PDB file of N, CA and C in Angstrom:
ATOM      1  N   MET A   1     -21.180 -63.420 -36.098  1.00  0.00           N
ATOM      2  CA  MET A   1     -20.034 -62.979 -36.797  1.00  0.00           C
ATOM      3  C   MET A   1     -18.840 -63.713 -36.644  1.00  0.00           C
ATOM      4  N   PHE A   2     -18.493 -64.043 -35.570  1.00  0.00           N
ATOM      5  CA  PHE A   2     -17.539 -65.084 -34.692  1.00  0.00           C
ATOM      6  C   PHE A   2     -17.207 -66.241 -35.304  1.00  0.00           C
ATOM      7  N   GLU A   3     -18.713 -67.161 -35.494  1.00  0.00           N
ATOM      8  CA  GLU A   3     -18.495 -68.024 -36.096  1.00  0.00           C
ATOM      9  C   GLU A   3     -18.349 -68.104 -37.708  1.00  0.00           C
ATOM     10  N   GLU A   4     -18.658 -67.225 -38.371  1.00  0.00           N
ATOM     11  CA  GLU A   4     -18.230 -66.543 -39.770  1.00  0.00           C
ATOM     12  C   GLU A   4     -16.995 -66.730 -40.150  1.00  0.00           C
ATOM     13  N   THR A   5     -16.258 -65.862 -39.054  1.00  0.00           N
ATOM     14  CA  THR A   5     -14.866 -65.472 -39.208  1.00  0.00           C
ATOM     15  C   THR A   5     -13.390 -66.434 -38.443  1.00  0.00           C
ATOM     16  N   GLN A   6     -14.446 -67.319 -37.693  1.00  0.00           N
ATOM     17  CA  GLN A   6     -13.329 -67.954 -36.690  1.00  0.00           C
ATOM     18  C   GLN A   6     -12.608 -67.024 -35.655  1.00  0.00           C
ATOM     19  N   GLY A   7     -13.242 -66.055 -35.375  1.00  0.00           N
ATOM     20  CA  GLY A   7     -12.692 -65.292 -34.687  1.00  0.00           C
ATOM     21  C   GLY A   7     -13.018 -65.451 -33.180  1.00  0.00           C
ATOM     22  N   LYS A   8     -12.319 -64.341 -32.336  1.00  0.00           N
ATOM     23  CA  LYS A   8     -12.740 -64.883 -30.774  1.00  0.00           C
ATOM     24  C   LYS A   8     -13.121 -62.967 -30.184  1.00  0.00           C
ATOM     25  N   MET A   9     -14.118 -63.537 -29.257  1.00  0.00           N
ATOM     26  CA  MET A   9     -14.423 -61.980 -28.989  1.00  0.00           C
ATOM     27  C   MET A   9     -13.368 -61.338 -28.094  1.00  0.00           C
ATOM     28  N   GLU A  10     -12.136 -61.963 -27.729  1.00  0.00           N
ATOM     29  CA  GLU A  10     -10.991 -60.912 -26.864  1.00  0.00           C
ATOM     30  C   GLU A  10     -10.111 -60.145 -28.259  1.00  0.00           C
ATOM     31  N   GLU A  11     -10.258 -60.553 -28.928  1.00  0.00           N
ATOM     32  CA  GLU A  11      -9.653 -60.192 -30.387  1.00  0.00           C
ATOM     33  C   GLU A  11     -10.083 -58.741 -30.614  1.00  0.00           C
ATOM     34  N   THR A  12     -11.125 -58.494 -30.513  1.00  0.00           N
ATOM     35  CA  THR A  12     -12.080 -56.743 -30.416  1.00  0.00           C
ATOM     36  C   THR A  12     -11.381 -55.919 -29.539  1.00  0.00           C
ATOM     37  N   GLU A  13     -10.622 -56.466 -28.745  1.00  0.00           N
ATOM     38  CA  GLU A  13     -10.078 -55.490 -27.275  1.00  0.00           C
ATOM     39  C   GLU A  13      -8.857 -54.361 -28.355  1.00  0.00           C
ATOM     40  N   GLY A  14      -9.133 -53.195 -27.996  1.00  0.00           N
ATOM     41  CA  GLY A  14      -8.217 -52.248 -28.035  1.00  0.00           C
ATOM     42  C   GLY A  14      -8.568 -51.844 -29.710  1.00  0.00           C
ATOM     43  N   MET A  15      -9.599 -52.411 -30.166  1.00  0.00           N
ATOM     44  CA  MET A  15     -10.182 -52.053 -31.527  1.00  0.00           C
ATOM     45  C   MET A  15     -10.455 -50.742 -31.541  1.00  0.00           C
ATOM     46  N   ILE A  16     -11.251 -50.436 -30.884  1.00  0.00           N
ATOM     47  CA  ILE A  16     -11.741 -48.759 -30.635  1.00  0.00           C
ATOM     48  C   ILE A  16     -10.656 -47.733 -31.112  1.00  0.00           C
ATOM     49  N   GLU A  17      -9.257 -47.969 -30.221  1.00  0.00           N
ATOM     50  CA  GLU A  17      -8.407 -47.297 -29.997  1.00  0.00           C
ATOM     51  C   GLU A  17      -7.419 -47.146 -31.265  1.00  0.00           C
ATOM     52  N   ILE A  18      -7.594 -48.241 -32.260  1.00  0.00           N
ATOM     53  CA  ILE A  18      -7.129 -48.207 -33.854  1.00  0.00           C
ATOM     54  C   ILE A  18      -7.937 -47.273 -34.492  1.00  0.00           C
ATOM     55  N   LEU A  19      -9.188 -47.534 -34.403  1.00  0.00           N
ATOM     56  CA  LEU A  19     -10.493 -46.645 -34.892  1.00  0.00           C
ATOM     57  C   LEU A  19     -10.099 -45.182 -34.812  1.00  0.00           C
ATOM     58  N   ARG A  20     -10.103 -44.805 -33.527  1.00  0.00           N
ATOM     59  CA  ARG A  20      -9.922 -43.504 -33.220  1.00  0.00           C
ATOM     60  C   ARG A  20      -8.785 -42.601 -33.851  1.00  0.00           C
ATOM     61  N   ASN A  21      -7.431 -43.629 -33.998  1.00  0.00           N
ATOM     62  CA  ASN A  21      -6.128 -43.107 -34.320  1.00  0.00           C
ATOM     63  C   ASN A  21      -5.885 -42.976 -35.541  1.00  0.00           C
ATOM     64  N   ILE A  22      -7.432 -43.174 -36.361  1.00  0.00           N
ATOM     65  CA  ILE A  22      -7.107 -42.799 -37.792  1.00  0.00           C
ATOM     66  C   ILE A  22      -6.771 -41.355 -38.217  1.00  0.00           C
ATOM     67  N   ALA A  23      -6.123 -41.148 -39.369  1.00  0.00           N
ATOM     68  CA  ALA A  23      -6.189 -39.350 -39.394  1.00  0.00           C
ATOM     69  C   ALA A  23      -7.759 -39.164 -40.009  1.00  0.00           C
ATOM     70  N   GLY A  24      -8.371 -37.861 -39.303  1.00  0.00           N
ATOM     71  CA  GLY A  24      -9.510 -37.278 -39.405  1.00  0.00           C
ATOM     72  C   GLY A  24     -10.478 -37.679 -39.196  1.00  0.00           C
ATOM     73  N   ILE A  25     -10.644 -38.731 -38.464  1.00  0.00           N
ATOM     74  CA  ILE A  25     -11.394 -39.337 -37.506  1.00  0.00           C
ATOM     75  C   ILE A  25     -11.662 -38.532 -36.385  1.00  0.00           C
ATOM     76  N   GLU A  26     -12.458 -37.831 -35.778  1.00  0.00           N
ATOM     77  CA  GLU A  26     -12.715 -37.609 -34.586  1.00  0.00           C
ATOM     78  C   GLU A  26     -13.634 -38.040 -33.833  1.00  0.00           C
ATOM     79  N   VAL A  27     -14.883 -39.048 -33.826  1.00  0.00           N
ATOM     80  CA  VAL A  27     -15.473 -40.086 -32.988  1.00  0.00           C
ATOM     81  C   VAL A  27     -15.355 -41.276 -33.904  1.00  0.00           C
ATOM     82  N   ALA A  28     -14.924 -42.121 -33.074  1.00  0.00           N
ATOM     83  CA  ALA A  28     -15.135 -43.616 -33.220  1.00  0.00           C
ATOM     84  C   ALA A  28     -16.101 -44.669 -32.452  1.00  0.00           C
ATOM     85  N   VAL A  29     -16.812 -45.246 -33.131  1.00  0.00           N
ATOM     86  CA  VAL A  29     -17.658 -46.085 -32.551  1.00  0.00           C
ATOM     87  C   VAL A  29     -17.798 -47.576 -32.796  1.00  0.00           C
ATOM     88  N   PHE A  30     -17.581 -48.578 -31.688  1.00  0.00           N
ATOM     89  CA  PHE A  30     -17.423 -49.864 -32.428  1.00  0.00           C
ATOM     90  C   PHE A  30     -18.202 -50.671 -31.501  1.00  0.00           C
ATOM     91  N   VAL A  31     -19.191 -51.299 -32.133  1.00  0.00           N
ATOM     92  CA  VAL A  31     -20.079 -52.291 -31.773  1.00  0.00           C
ATOM     93  C   VAL A  31     -19.941 -53.433 -32.019  1.00  0.00           C
ATOM     94  N   LYS A  32     -20.449 -54.495 -30.682  1.00  0.00           N
ATOM     95  CA  LYS A  32     -20.173 -55.829 -30.585  1.00  0.00           C
ATOM     96  C   LYS A  32     -21.292 -56.471 -30.074  1.00  0.00           C
ATOM     97  N   GLU A  33     -21.859 -57.870 -30.875  1.00  0.00           N
ATOM     98  CA  GLU A  33     -23.062 -58.436 -30.296  1.00  0.00           C
ATOM     99  C   GLU A  33     -22.041 -59.373 -29.459  1.00  0.00           C
ATOM    100  N   VAL A  34     -22.982 -59.138 -27.988  1.00  0.00           N
ATOM    101  CA  VAL A  34     -22.417 -59.890 -26.913  1.00  0.00           C
ATOM    102  C   VAL A  34     -23.286 -61.084 -26.871  1.00  0.00           C
ATOM    103  N   GLN A  35     -24.324 -61.057 -27.373  1.00  0.00           N
ATOM    104  CA  GLN A  35     -25.383 -62.332 -27.351  1.00  0.00           C
ATOM    105  C   GLN A  35     -26.810 -61.776 -28.035  1.00  0.00           C
ATOM    106  N   LYS A  36     -27.875 -62.588 -28.576  1.00  0.00           N
ATOM    107  CA  LYS A  36     -29.052 -62.098 -29.389  1.00  0.00           C
ATOM    108  C   LYS A  36     -29.399 -60.842 -29.266  1.00  0.00           C
ATOM    109  N   ASN A  37     -29.811 -60.279 -29.799  1.00  0.00           N
ATOM    110  CA  ASN A  37     -30.039 -58.517 -29.499  1.00  0.00           C
ATOM    111  C   ASN A  37     -29.488 -57.775 -28.284  1.00  0.00           C
ATOM    112  N   LYS A  38     -28.370 -58.447 -28.006  1.00  0.00           N
ATOM    113  CA  LYS A  38     -27.530 -57.282 -27.162  1.00  0.00           C
ATOM    114  C   LYS A  38     -26.361 -56.842 -27.509  1.00  0.00           C
ATOM    115  N   CYS A  39     -26.229 -55.713 -27.592  1.00  0.00           N
ATOM    116  CA  CYS A  39     -24.635 -55.431 -28.085  1.00  0.00           C
ATOM    117  C   CYS A  39     -23.646 -54.057 -26.985  1.00  0.00           C
ATOM    118  N   LYS A  40     -22.587 -54.457 -26.906  1.00  0.00           N
ATOM    119  CA  LYS A  40     -21.728 -53.514 -26.051  1.00  0.00           C
ATOM    120  C   LYS A  40     -21.283 -52.584 -27.694  1.00  0.00           C
ATOM    121  N   VAL A  41     -21.434 -51.461 -27.001  1.00  0.00           N
ATOM    122  CA  VAL A  41     -21.370 -49.892 -27.804  1.00  0.00           C
ATOM    123  C   VAL A  41     -19.987 -49.716 -27.047  1.00  0.00           C
ATOM    124  N   SER A  42     -18.640 -49.175 -27.831  1.00  0.00           N
ATOM    125  CA  SER A  42     -17.676 -48.366 -27.402  1.00  0.00           C
ATOM    126  C   SER A  42     -17.751 -47.600 -28.172  1.00  0.00           C
ATOM    127  N   MET A  43     -17.363 -46.296 -27.430  1.00  0.00           N
ATOM    128  CA  MET A  43     -16.901 -45.080 -28.303  1.00  0.00           C
ATOM    129  C   MET A  43     -15.791 -43.940 -27.816  1.00  0.00           C
ATOM    130  N   ARG A  44     -15.315 -43.430 -29.016  1.00  0.00           N
ATOM    131  CA  ARG A  44     -14.098 -42.674 -28.056  1.00  0.00           C
ATOM    132  C   ARG A  44     -13.888 -41.282 -29.089  1.00  0.00           C
ATOM    133  N   SER A  45     -13.391 -40.058 -28.705  1.00  0.00           N
ATOM    134  CA  SER A  45     -13.545 -38.881 -29.554  1.00  0.00           C
ATOM    135  C   SER A  45     -11.662 -38.358 -29.159  1.00  0.00           C
ATOM    136  N   LYS A  46     -11.396 -37.878 -29.872  1.00  0.00           N
ATOM    137  CA  LYS A  46     -10.224 -37.013 -29.931  1.00  0.00           C
ATOM    138  C   LYS A  46     -10.266 -35.851 -29.101  1.00  0.00           C
ATOM    139  N   LYS A  47     -10.964 -34.612 -29.904  1.00  0.00           N
ATOM    140  CA  LYS A  47     -10.696 -33.493 -29.004  1.00  0.00           C
ATOM    141  C   LYS A  47     -12.049 -32.628 -28.798  1.00  0.00           C
ATOM    142  N   TYR A  48     -12.951 -33.051 -29.721  1.00  0.00           N
ATOM    143  CA  TYR A  48     -14.471 -31.879 -29.771  1.00  0.00           C
ATOM    144  C   TYR A  48     -15.603 -32.800 -29.351  1.00  0.00           C
ATOM    145  N   VAL A  49     -15.579 -33.922 -29.265  1.00  0.00           N
ATOM    146  CA  VAL A  49     -17.225 -34.399 -29.575  1.00  0.00           C
ATOM    147  C   VAL A  49     -17.005 -35.320 -27.663  1.00  0.00           C
ATOM    148  N   ASN A  50     -18.100 -34.884 -27.226  1.00  0.00           N
ATOM    149  CA  ASN A  50     -18.481 -35.732 -25.860  1.00  0.00           C
ATOM    150  C   ASN A  50     -19.278 -36.685 -26.233  1.00  0.00           C
ATOM    151  N   VAL A  51     -18.448 -37.931 -25.886  1.00  0.00           N
ATOM    152  CA  VAL A  51     -19.242 -38.737 -26.090  1.00  0.00           C
ATOM    153  C   VAL A  51     -20.054 -39.716 -24.972  1.00  0.00           C
ATOM    154  N   ALA A  52     -19.575 -38.885 -23.680  1.00  0.00           N
ATOM    155  CA  ALA A  52     -20.338 -39.243 -22.471  1.00  0.00           C
ATOM    156  C   ALA A  52     -21.926 -38.809 -22.905  1.00  0.00           C
ATOM    157  N   GLU A  53     -22.031 -37.769 -23.103  1.00  0.00           N
ATOM    158  CA  GLU A  53     -23.351 -37.103 -23.722  1.00  0.00           C
ATOM    159  C   GLU A  53     -23.810 -38.126 -24.295  1.00  0.00           C
ATOM    160  N   MET A  54     -23.432 -38.782 -25.545  1.00  0.00           N
ATOM    161  CA  MET A  54     -24.278 -39.596 -26.159  1.00  0.00           C
ATOM    162  C   MET A  54     -24.434 -40.883 -25.361  1.00  0.00           C
ATOM    163  N   SER A  55     -23.689 -41.372 -24.884  1.00  0.00           N
ATOM    164  CA  SER A  55     -23.946 -42.640 -24.088  1.00  0.00           C
ATOM    165  C   SER A  55     -25.162 -42.725 -22.720  1.00  0.00           C
ATOM    166  N   LYS A  56     -24.881 -41.465 -22.663  1.00  0.00           N
ATOM    167  CA  LYS A  56     -26.005 -41.141 -21.230  1.00  0.00           C
ATOM    168  C   LYS A  56     -27.224 -41.180 -21.841  1.00  0.00           C
ATOM    169  N   LYS A  57     -27.834 -40.867 -23.293  1.00  0.00           N
ATOM    170  CA  LYS A  57     -28.638 -40.888 -24.149  1.00  0.00           C
ATOM    171  C   LYS A  57     -29.493 -42.447 -24.233  1.00  0.00           C
ATOM    172  N   LEU A  58     -28.415 -43.430 -23.944  1.00  0.00           N
ATOM    173  CA  LEU A  58     -28.761 -44.719 -24.326  1.00  0.00           C
ATOM    174  C   LEU A  58     -28.379 -45.649 -22.845  1.00  0.00           C
ATOM    175  N   ASN A  59     -28.594 -44.790 -21.671  1.00  0.00           N
ATOM    176  CA  ASN A  59     -28.360 -45.185 -20.069  1.00  0.00           C
ATOM    177  C   ASN A  59     -26.690 -45.719 -19.951  1.00  0.00           C
ATOM    178  N   GLY A  60     -25.648 -45.305 -20.595  1.00  0.00           N
ATOM    179  CA  GLY A  60     -24.522 -45.915 -20.870  1.00  0.00           C
ATOM    180  C   GLY A  60     -23.724 -44.874 -19.469  1.00  0.00           C
ATOM    181  N   GLY A  61     -22.523 -44.577 -19.741  1.00  0.00           N
ATOM    182  CA  GLY A  61     -21.772 -43.564 -19.119  1.00  0.00           C
ATOM    183  C   GLY A  61     -20.362 -43.865 -19.594  1.00  0.00           C
ATOM    184  N   GLY A  62     -19.278 -42.645 -19.183  1.00  0.00           N
ATOM    185  CA  GLY A  62     -18.139 -42.683 -19.484  1.00  0.00           C
ATOM    186  C   GLY A  62     -18.101 -41.410 -19.163  1.00  0.00           C
ATOM    187  N   HIS A  63     -16.753 -40.830 -20.163  1.00  0.00           N
ATOM    188  CA  HIS A  63     -16.466 -39.505 -19.616  1.00  0.00           C
ATOM    189  C   HIS A  63     -16.008 -38.865 -21.478  1.00  0.00           C
ATOM    190  N   ALA A  64     -15.872 -37.909 -21.204  1.00  0.00           N
ATOM    191  CA  ALA A  64     -15.944 -37.080 -22.611  1.00  0.00           C
ATOM    192  C   ALA A  64     -15.119 -37.616 -24.178  1.00  0.00           C
ATOM    193  N   ARG A  65     -13.978 -38.483 -23.383  1.00  0.00           N
ATOM    194  CA  ARG A  65     -13.502 -38.952 -24.629  1.00  0.00           C
ATOM    195  C   ARG A  65     -13.413 -40.346 -24.775  1.00  0.00           C
ATOM    196  N   ALA A  66     -14.003 -40.969 -23.696  1.00  0.00           N
ATOM    197  CA  ALA A  66     -14.116 -42.375 -23.692  1.00  0.00           C
ATOM    198  C   ALA A  66     -15.563 -42.966 -22.822  1.00  0.00           C
ATOM    199  N   ALA A  67     -16.313 -43.575 -23.716  1.00  0.00           N
ATOM    200  CA  ALA A  67     -17.788 -43.729 -22.916  1.00  0.00           C
ATOM    201  C   ALA A  67     -18.448 -45.221 -23.597  1.00  0.00           C
ATOM    202  N   GLY A  68     -19.358 -45.751 -22.981  1.00  0.00           N
ATOM    203  CA  GLY A  68     -20.023 -46.851 -23.395  1.00  0.00           C
ATOM    204  C   GLY A  68     -21.423 -47.373 -22.924  1.00  0.00           C
ATOM    205  N   CYS A  69     -21.706 -48.583 -23.763  1.00  0.00           N
ATOM    206  CA  CYS A  69     -23.171 -48.551 -23.254  1.00  0.00           C
ATOM    207  C   CYS A  69     -23.772 -49.992 -23.953  1.00  0.00           C
ATOM    208  N   THR A  70     -24.783 -50.091 -23.271  1.00  0.00           N
ATOM    209  CA  THR A  70     -25.456 -51.719 -23.693  1.00  0.00           C
ATOM    210  C   THR A  70     -26.635 -51.518 -24.317  1.00  0.00           C
ATOM    211  N   VAL A  71     -26.982 -51.642 -25.718  1.00  0.00           N
ATOM    212  CA  VAL A  71     -27.993 -51.726 -26.593  1.00  0.00           C
ATOM    213  C   VAL A  71     -28.926 -52.736 -26.537  1.00  0.00           C
ATOM    214  N   GLN A  72     -30.344 -52.952 -26.263  1.00  0.00           N
ATOM    215  CA  GLN A  72     -30.931 -54.230 -26.066  1.00  0.00           C
ATOM    216  C   GLN A  72     -31.724 -54.370 -27.536  1.00  0.00           C
ATOM    217  N   LYS A  73     -30.896 -54.541 -28.782  1.00  0.00           N
ATOM    218  CA  LYS A  73     -31.359 -54.802 -30.275  1.00  0.00           C
ATOM    219  C   LYS A  73     -30.404 -55.488 -30.571  1.00  0.00           C
ATOM    220  N   SER A  74     -30.479 -55.580 -32.375  1.00  0.00           N
ATOM    221  CA  SER A  74     -29.817 -56.747 -32.850  1.00  0.00           C
ATOM    222  C   SER A  74     -28.673 -55.519 -33.348  1.00  0.00           C
ATOM    223  N   TYR A  75     -27.521 -56.659 -33.936  1.00  0.00           N
ATOM    224  CA  TYR A  75     -26.327 -55.554 -34.154  1.00  0.00           C
ATOM    225  C   TYR A  75     -26.720 -54.561 -35.328  1.00  0.00           C
ATOM    226  N   GLU A  76     -27.553 -54.934 -36.395  1.00  0.00           N
ATOM    227  CA  GLU A  76     -27.841 -54.259 -37.770  1.00  0.00           C
ATOM    228  C   GLU A  76     -28.744 -53.005 -37.055  1.00  0.00           C
ATOM    229  N   GLU A  77     -29.407 -53.136 -35.701  1.00  0.00           N
ATOM    230  CA  GLU A  77     -30.650 -52.161 -35.686  1.00  0.00           C
ATOM    231  C   GLU A  77     -29.488 -51.278 -34.518  1.00  0.00           C
ATOM    232  N   THR A  78     -28.610 -51.811 -33.859  1.00  0.00           N
ATOM    233  CA  THR A  78     -27.701 -51.040 -33.141  1.00  0.00           C
ATOM    234  C   THR A  78     -26.842 -50.217 -33.496  1.00  0.00           C
ATOM    235  N   ILE A  79     -26.375 -50.576 -34.873  1.00  0.00           N
ATOM    236  CA  ILE A  79     -25.513 -49.713 -35.934  1.00  0.00           C
ATOM    237  C   ILE A  79     -26.307 -48.592 -36.298  1.00  0.00           C
ATOM    238  N   GLN A  80     -27.644 -48.551 -36.581  1.00  0.00           N
ATOM    239  CA  GLN A  80     -28.445 -47.359 -37.340  1.00  0.00           C
ATOM    240  C   GLN A  80     -28.665 -46.721 -35.642  1.00  0.00           C
ATOM    241  N   VAL A  81     -29.145 -47.486 -34.826  1.00  0.00           N
ATOM    242  CA  VAL A  81     -29.473 -46.378 -33.551  1.00  0.00           C
ATOM    243  C   VAL A  81     -27.965 -45.404 -33.273  1.00  0.00           C
ATOM    244  N   MET A  82     -26.671 -45.849 -33.540  1.00  0.00           N
ATOM    245  CA  MET A  82     -25.534 -45.357 -33.465  1.00  0.00           C
ATOM    246  C   MET A  82     -25.001 -44.085 -34.321  1.00  0.00           C
ATOM    247  N   ILE A  83     -25.757 -44.682 -35.722  1.00  0.00           N
ATOM    248  CA  ILE A  83     -25.487 -43.747 -36.741  1.00  0.00           C
ATOM    249  C   ILE A  83     -26.298 -42.449 -36.711  1.00  0.00           C
ATOM    250  N   LYS A  84     -27.405 -42.504 -36.089  1.00  0.00           N
ATOM    251  CA  LYS A  84     -28.786 -41.282 -35.967  1.00  0.00           C
ATOM    252  C   LYS A  84     -28.198 -40.809 -34.944  1.00  0.00           C
ATOM    253  N   LEU A  85     -27.692 -41.530 -33.790  1.00  0.00           N
ATOM    254  CA  LEU A  85     -27.378 -40.721 -32.626  1.00  0.00           C
ATOM    255  C   LEU A  85     -25.803 -39.745 -32.892  1.00  0.00           C
ATOM    256  N   VAL A  86     -25.004 -39.812 -33.336  1.00  0.00           N
ATOM    257  CA  VAL A  86     -23.798 -39.346 -33.653  1.00  0.00           C
ATOM    258  C   VAL A  86     -23.785 -38.069 -34.849  1.00  0.00           C
ATOM    259  N   GLU A  87     -24.912 -38.887 -35.783  1.00  0.00           N
ATOM    260  CA  GLU A  87     -25.352 -37.630 -36.886  1.00  0.00           C
ATOM    261  C   GLU A  87     -25.947 -36.276 -36.045  1.00  0.00           C
ATOM    262  N   GLU A  88     -27.282 -36.806 -34.662  1.00  0.00           N
ATOM    263  CA  GLU A  88     -27.904 -35.837 -34.467  1.00  0.00           C
ATOM    264  C   GLU A  88     -26.901 -35.307 -33.550  1.00  0.00           C
ATOM    265  N   TYR A  89     -25.630 -35.288 -32.954  1.00  0.00           N
ATOM    266  CA  TYR A  89     -24.977 -34.731 -31.892  1.00  0.00           C
ATOM    267  C   TYR A  89     -23.933 -33.995 -32.625  1.00  0.00           C
ATOM    268  N   LEU A  90     -23.765 -34.023 -33.958  1.00  0.00           N
ATOM    269  CA  LEU A  90     -23.003 -33.576 -35.064  1.00  0.00           C
ATOM    270  C   LEU A  90     -23.744 -32.056 -35.415  1.00  0.00           C
ATOM    271  N   LYS A  91     -24.882 -32.721 -35.687  1.00  0.00           N
ATOM    272  CA  LYS A  91     -25.541 -31.275 -36.110  1.00  0.00           C
ATOM    273  C   LYS A  91     -26.017 -29.950 -35.392  1.00  0.00           C
ATOM    274  N   GLY A  92     -25.906 -30.833 -33.897  1.00  0.00           N
ATOM    275  CA  GLY A  92     -25.854 -29.876 -32.953  1.00  0.00           C
ATOM    276  C   GLY A  92     -27.471 -29.251 -32.418  1.00  0.00           C
TER     277      GLY A  92
END
């Protein structure tokens, strides 16, 4: 993706905070592919969602409002994993 956009990995730093600060957003998830079939996932929440619980399910860590993990899958597969994980959490 960075080759296509001529972007740099370091330009993504802070993006998760921008996403979390959007009005109406409770959970923000940012996925970046760091190498083939390896993605770094950052999760943030505002008030009600414990993202550390979700992160632990993927062998990650963090605390209630900020957590992360590494997923050994393609970018597309990681996106689907995260959508399913958040949906399951929100359904309770």
